[in-house]
Protein backbone atom coordinates (compact mmCIF):
# COMPACT_ATOMS: atom_id res chain seq x y z
CA UNK A 1 -22.63 -6.82 94.79
CA UNK A 2 -26.42 -6.97 95.09
CA UNK A 3 -28.36 -4.86 92.60
CA UNK A 4 -29.88 -1.75 94.18
CA UNK A 5 -33.18 -1.11 92.41
CA UNK A 6 -33.58 2.22 94.15
CA UNK A 7 -30.86 3.56 91.91
CA UNK A 8 -32.96 3.26 88.76
CA UNK A 9 -34.13 6.76 87.84
CA UNK A 10 -36.37 5.70 84.93
CA UNK A 11 -38.23 2.55 83.84
CA UNK A 12 -36.73 2.97 80.35
CA UNK A 13 -33.66 0.90 79.55
CA UNK A 14 -33.48 1.56 75.75
CA UNK A 15 -35.24 4.55 74.25
CA UNK A 16 -36.56 4.63 70.72
CA UNK A 17 -36.97 7.72 68.51
CA UNK A 18 -38.30 8.75 65.11
CA UNK A 19 -36.08 6.31 63.18
CA UNK A 20 -35.39 3.57 65.69
CA UNK A 21 -37.56 1.22 67.78
CA UNK A 22 -36.57 -1.37 70.39
CA UNK A 23 -39.26 -4.04 70.76
CA UNK A 24 -39.81 -7.58 72.04
CA UNK A 25 -37.19 -7.97 74.76
CA UNK A 26 -35.79 -11.32 75.86
CA UNK A 27 -32.99 -11.64 78.47
CA UNK A 28 -30.41 -14.24 79.39
CA UNK A 29 -28.33 -13.90 82.48
CA UNK A 30 -24.90 -15.76 82.70
CA UNK A 31 -21.71 -15.09 84.67
CA UNK A 32 -23.05 -11.78 86.08
CA UNK A 33 -23.93 -10.42 82.56
CA UNK A 34 -27.42 -9.61 81.25
CA UNK A 35 -27.74 -10.37 77.55
CA UNK A 36 -30.74 -8.27 76.37
CA UNK A 37 -32.03 -9.35 72.99
CA UNK A 38 -34.66 -7.47 71.10
CA UNK A 39 -36.23 -6.50 67.80
CA UNK A 40 -34.16 -3.63 66.38
CA UNK A 41 -36.22 -1.61 63.89
CA UNK A 42 -34.38 1.03 61.87
CA UNK A 43 -35.96 3.25 59.22
CA UNK A 44 -33.21 3.97 56.70
CA UNK A 45 -32.71 6.69 54.15
CA UNK A 46 -34.73 4.68 51.56
CA UNK A 47 -37.77 5.16 53.85
CA UNK A 48 -38.25 1.52 54.54
CA UNK A 49 -38.11 -0.08 58.11
CA UNK A 50 -35.78 -3.03 58.56
CA UNK A 51 -36.02 -5.52 61.38
CA UNK A 52 -33.06 -7.39 62.88
CA UNK A 53 -32.18 -9.22 66.02
CA UNK A 54 -30.22 -6.87 68.26
CA UNK A 55 -28.28 -7.45 71.47
CA UNK A 56 -26.77 -5.30 74.23
CA UNK A 57 -25.05 -6.50 77.41
CA UNK A 58 -24.93 -5.03 80.88
CA UNK A 59 -23.94 -5.93 84.45
CA UNK A 60 -26.37 -3.55 86.10
CA UNK A 61 -29.12 -2.80 83.52
CA UNK A 62 -28.18 0.87 83.76
CA UNK A 63 -25.28 1.04 81.30
CA UNK A 64 -25.16 -1.01 78.16
CA UNK A 65 -22.77 -2.08 75.46
CA UNK A 66 -23.28 -0.71 71.94
CA UNK A 67 -26.00 -2.55 69.96
CA UNK A 68 -24.84 -5.68 68.18
CA UNK A 69 -26.85 -6.89 65.18
CA UNK A 70 -27.12 -10.68 65.05
CA UNK A 71 -28.95 -11.24 61.82
CA UNK A 72 -28.95 -9.93 58.23
CA UNK A 73 -30.78 -6.83 57.12
CA UNK A 74 -33.43 -8.18 54.64
CA UNK A 75 -37.10 -7.17 54.53
CA UNK A 76 -38.00 -10.63 53.05
CA UNK A 77 -36.79 -12.16 56.34
CA UNK A 78 -36.89 -9.47 59.03
CA UNK A 79 -35.60 -11.76 61.77
CA UNK A 80 -37.02 -10.50 64.98
CA UNK A 81 -39.03 -11.07 68.23
CA UNK A 82 -36.51 -13.10 70.24
CA UNK A 83 -38.42 -15.39 72.55
CA UNK A 84 -35.78 -16.73 74.98
CA UNK A 85 -32.46 -18.42 75.26
CA UNK A 86 -32.65 -22.09 76.30
CA UNK A 87 -29.53 -23.92 77.48
CA UNK A 88 -29.24 -27.45 76.20
CA UNK A 89 -26.04 -29.20 77.06
CA UNK A 90 -23.15 -26.96 75.91
CA UNK A 91 -25.39 -24.95 73.60
CA UNK A 92 -27.50 -21.90 74.07
CA UNK A 93 -30.50 -21.94 71.74
CA UNK A 94 -32.05 -18.57 70.84
CA UNK A 95 -35.57 -18.73 69.32
CA UNK A 96 -37.01 -15.95 67.17
CA UNK A 97 -39.29 -15.30 64.11
CA UNK A 98 -39.18 -14.04 60.57
CA UNK A 99 -41.54 -11.13 59.99
CA UNK A 100 -41.60 -11.01 56.18
CA UNK A 101 -42.59 -7.58 54.71
CA UNK A 102 -40.93 -7.67 51.37
CA UNK A 103 -43.91 -6.14 49.54
CA UNK A 104 -44.23 -3.16 51.84
CA UNK A 105 -46.69 -4.78 54.29
CA UNK A 106 -47.19 -3.07 57.64
CA UNK A 107 -47.23 -6.35 59.49
CA UNK A 108 -45.48 -9.71 58.83
CA UNK A 109 -47.16 -11.62 56.01
CA UNK A 110 -48.13 -15.30 55.70
CA UNK A 111 -44.51 -16.42 55.19
CA UNK A 112 -43.65 -15.50 58.83
CA UNK A 113 -42.12 -18.54 60.56
CA UNK A 114 -40.21 -19.62 63.63
CA UNK A 115 -36.44 -20.19 63.90
CA UNK A 116 -33.54 -20.95 66.27
CA UNK A 117 -29.91 -20.12 66.26
CA UNK A 118 -27.27 -21.97 68.34
CA UNK A 119 -24.16 -20.84 70.14
CA UNK A 120 -21.60 -22.20 72.59
CA UNK A 121 -20.31 -18.80 73.77
CA UNK A 122 -23.18 -16.30 73.21
CA UNK A 123 -20.87 -14.51 70.72
CA UNK A 124 -20.72 -16.73 67.56
CA UNK A 125 -24.15 -17.89 66.43
CA UNK A 126 -25.00 -20.46 63.80
CA UNK A 127 -27.30 -19.93 60.84
CA UNK A 128 -31.07 -19.69 61.48
CA UNK A 129 -32.79 -23.04 61.52
CA UNK A 130 -36.53 -23.40 60.69
CA UNK A 131 -38.65 -24.84 63.53
CA UNK A 132 -41.06 -27.36 62.04
CA UNK A 133 -43.41 -27.07 64.92
CA UNK A 134 -46.37 -28.57 62.96
CA UNK A 135 -44.38 -31.79 62.38
CA UNK A 136 -41.98 -33.05 59.82
CA UNK A 137 -44.81 -34.12 57.48
CA UNK A 138 -46.20 -30.57 57.13
CA UNK A 139 -44.54 -28.60 54.34
CA UNK A 140 -43.23 -25.13 55.19
CA UNK A 141 -45.68 -23.62 52.77
CA UNK A 142 -48.61 -25.28 54.72
CA UNK A 143 -47.45 -24.29 58.24
CA UNK A 144 -49.39 -20.95 58.28
CA UNK A 145 -48.36 -17.62 59.67
CA UNK A 146 -46.65 -18.11 63.06
CA UNK A 147 -44.76 -15.59 65.24
CA UNK A 148 -43.35 -15.06 68.75
CA UNK A 149 -41.81 -18.38 69.81
CA UNK A 150 -40.91 -19.29 73.39
CA UNK A 151 -38.93 -22.43 74.35
CA UNK A 152 -39.31 -24.26 77.66
CA UNK A 153 -37.82 -27.48 79.01
CA UNK A 154 -39.99 -29.42 81.46
CA UNK A 155 -40.26 -33.14 82.38
CA UNK A 156 -37.44 -34.06 80.11
CA UNK A 157 -39.04 -32.62 76.98
CA UNK A 158 -38.96 -29.35 75.09
CA UNK A 159 -41.98 -27.17 74.49
CA UNK A 160 -42.43 -24.43 71.91
CA UNK A 161 -45.23 -21.97 72.54
CA UNK A 162 -46.02 -19.51 69.73
CA UNK A 163 -48.60 -17.16 68.39
CA UNK A 164 -51.04 -18.90 65.98
CA UNK A 165 -54.75 -19.28 66.63
CA UNK A 166 -54.17 -17.92 70.10
CA UNK A 167 -51.33 -19.48 71.84
CA UNK A 168 -50.21 -22.79 70.16
CA UNK A 169 -47.86 -25.34 71.64
CA UNK A 170 -45.70 -28.10 70.20
CA UNK A 171 -43.41 -30.58 71.99
CA UNK A 172 -40.01 -32.22 71.05
CA UNK A 173 -37.39 -34.44 72.46
CA UNK A 174 -34.51 -32.96 70.48
CA UNK A 175 -35.58 -29.42 69.32
CA UNK A 176 -35.60 -30.71 65.77
CA UNK A 177 -38.62 -32.98 65.41
CA UNK A 178 -41.91 -31.64 66.75
CA UNK A 179 -45.41 -32.80 67.54
CA UNK A 180 -48.17 -30.20 67.56
CA UNK A 181 -50.29 -30.32 70.70
CA UNK A 182 -52.94 -27.69 70.11
CA UNK A 183 -53.81 -24.14 71.14
CA UNK A 184 -55.55 -22.10 73.82
CA UNK A 185 -56.83 -18.56 74.00
CA UNK A 186 -54.07 -15.94 74.50
CA UNK A 187 -52.16 -13.07 73.11
CA UNK A 188 -48.70 -12.45 71.61
CA UNK A 189 -45.18 -12.67 73.02
CA UNK A 190 -45.76 -15.61 75.30
CA UNK A 191 -43.30 -16.20 78.20
CA UNK A 192 -43.74 -19.02 80.68
CA UNK A 193 -41.88 -19.39 84.00
CA UNK A 194 -42.08 -21.70 87.00
CA UNK A 195 -44.26 -20.42 89.82
CA UNK A 196 -44.24 -22.67 92.86
CA UNK A 197 -45.91 -25.96 91.87
CA UNK A 198 -47.30 -24.51 88.66
CA UNK A 199 -46.57 -22.24 85.73
CA UNK A 200 -47.04 -18.57 85.01
CA UNK A 201 -47.79 -17.51 81.45
CA UNK A 202 -47.09 -13.90 80.47
CA UNK A 203 -48.71 -12.83 77.22
CA UNK A 204 -49.74 -9.70 75.34
CA UNK A 205 -53.49 -8.93 74.78
CA UNK A 206 -54.51 -5.86 72.73
CA UNK A 207 -52.87 -3.67 75.39
CA UNK A 208 -51.04 -4.39 78.57
CA UNK A 209 -49.37 -7.51 79.93
CA UNK A 210 -51.63 -10.46 80.66
CA UNK A 211 -51.14 -13.42 83.03
CA UNK A 212 -52.38 -16.96 83.12
CA UNK A 213 -51.56 -19.84 85.51
CA UNK A 214 -51.47 -23.58 85.00
CA UNK A 215 -50.59 -26.71 86.89
CA UNK A 216 -49.82 -28.77 83.80
CA UNK A 217 -48.91 -26.49 80.85
CA UNK A 218 -52.16 -27.54 79.22
CA UNK A 219 -55.07 -25.92 81.09
CA UNK A 220 -54.72 -22.21 81.73
CA UNK A 221 -56.74 -19.88 83.97
CA UNK A 222 -56.74 -16.19 83.20
CA UNK A 223 -55.49 -13.82 85.94
CA UNK A 224 -56.09 -10.46 84.27
CA UNK A 225 -53.54 -7.97 83.05
CA UNK A 226 -51.49 -4.94 84.09
CA UNK A 227 -50.54 -1.68 82.40
CA UNK A 228 -47.91 -1.05 85.03
CA UNK A 229 -47.34 2.77 85.16
CA UNK A 230 -48.37 3.50 81.54
CA UNK A 231 -50.79 6.23 82.70
CA UNK A 232 -47.77 8.26 83.72
CA UNK A 233 -45.58 7.25 80.85
CA UNK A 234 -46.16 9.08 77.49
CA UNK A 235 -43.65 6.73 75.88
CA UNK A 236 -46.01 3.76 76.65
CA UNK A 237 -49.44 5.31 76.29
CA UNK A 238 -49.84 4.08 72.69
CA UNK A 239 -49.36 0.43 73.79
CA UNK A 240 -47.57 -1.44 76.53
CA UNK A 241 -46.78 -5.02 75.50
CA UNK A 242 -44.34 -7.90 74.96
CA UNK A 243 -43.65 -8.80 78.59
CA UNK A 244 -40.76 -11.14 79.38
CA UNK A 245 -40.05 -12.42 82.88
CA UNK A 246 -36.63 -13.44 84.05
CA UNK A 247 -36.95 -14.95 87.49
CA UNK A 248 -33.77 -14.25 89.40
CA UNK A 249 -35.30 -14.32 92.89
CA UNK A 250 -32.90 -17.16 93.77
CA UNK A 251 -29.88 -15.37 92.42
CA UNK A 252 -28.14 -13.60 95.38
CA UNK A 253 -26.86 -10.67 93.38
CA UNK A 254 -30.19 -9.83 91.88
CA UNK A 255 -32.95 -11.26 94.12
CA UNK A 256 -35.91 -10.20 92.02
CA UNK A 257 -38.11 -11.43 89.17
CA UNK A 258 -37.49 -8.94 86.37
CA UNK A 259 -40.24 -8.00 83.88
CA UNK A 260 -38.96 -6.55 80.62
CA UNK A 261 -41.46 -5.05 78.11
CA UNK A 262 -41.75 -2.46 75.43
CA UNK A 263 -43.91 0.62 75.22
CA UNK A 264 -44.87 2.88 72.31
CA UNK A 265 -46.28 6.36 72.63
CA UNK A 266 -47.71 8.78 72.93
CA UNK A 267 -49.46 7.93 69.67
CA UNK A 268 -51.19 4.60 69.20
CA UNK A 269 -48.75 1.82 68.30
CA UNK A 270 -50.67 1.13 65.06
CA UNK A 271 -49.66 4.63 63.93
CA UNK A 272 -45.94 4.59 64.95
CA UNK A 273 -45.44 0.86 64.60
CA UNK A 274 -41.82 1.04 63.35
CA UNK A 275 -40.60 3.96 65.49
CA UNK A 276 -40.47 5.30 69.11
CA UNK A 277 -40.71 1.99 70.93
CA UNK A 278 -38.74 1.79 74.24
CA UNK A 279 -37.78 -1.18 76.35
CA UNK A 280 -38.72 -0.85 80.03
CA UNK A 281 -38.16 -2.70 83.29
CA UNK A 282 -40.24 -3.62 86.31
CA UNK A 283 -39.49 -6.13 89.14
CA UNK A 284 -41.32 -8.27 91.74
CA UNK A 285 -40.78 -10.46 94.76
CA UNK A 286 -43.80 -12.69 94.10
CA UNK A 287 -44.71 -12.54 90.39
CA UNK A 288 -47.88 -10.76 91.32
CA UNK A 289 -47.05 -7.28 92.57
CA UNK A 290 -44.77 -5.24 90.37
CA UNK A 291 -42.56 -2.20 91.06
CA UNK A 292 -40.66 0.13 88.80
CA UNK A 293 -38.56 3.27 89.02
CA UNK A 294 -40.64 6.15 90.21
CA UNK A 295 -43.60 4.07 91.39
CA UNK A 296 -43.28 5.03 95.10
CA UNK A 297 -42.99 8.73 94.22
CA UNK A 298 -46.42 8.64 92.56
CA UNK A 299 -48.20 7.32 95.70
């Protein structure tokens, strides 16, 4: 059965509240099932927010399984911000970050690093493995603060894009030993997909979802940004960010490129950083013009 996008009544897939936030979506599609990974932020009775990797599954992106927590609840780790799932042989490799806030910091401190977990069935995951994206010779303590990884395979090699000094990039032949290539200007939550003969980078500037294009994964040209329908969405008027594109235009039962993101509002995200955030959905036929539930009604 082909997905009927006209049946979506709201852009919101998961809705946050005063104690829960859903942030940083990343989605894997396999055997007709969407695996939606995200940062689950929960403020507990002790008053502290805790970050974990969360997952829900769905066949239609309108009804979802209960939230499954994939990592420990520990403020000194705060595993979060899933970047993507990469299939390598029989394994699925999920990349993510630590966002360490053990001393009450509002944002992740200088110990924040990049990790992967591995699975053969998308159910049982191995322990987090540190990604030494600066190279084996660089001590963990000297790697610097790094967040928001994204893994990509191209030309027989694996690339890791991540947030440090703009958008940094490292390359590996085995996902274990890395060579740092350098960095370019860009925002957070990078996602990169094939677009014709080139590549589309989706990233997060201060507000909105930004786009860049490249022919070689090295030189990138800016193509502006979008706020989608945020002017009509109180839940995203504080910030709209963390875009993730899953290109299923070639999949007969979907037939669209899907853009997942999170929005916070109506207050500025810096005020309600650990609450309220909702995960939303838009879709496209060409990776340039985006639609969402209710867009046509506003014209």
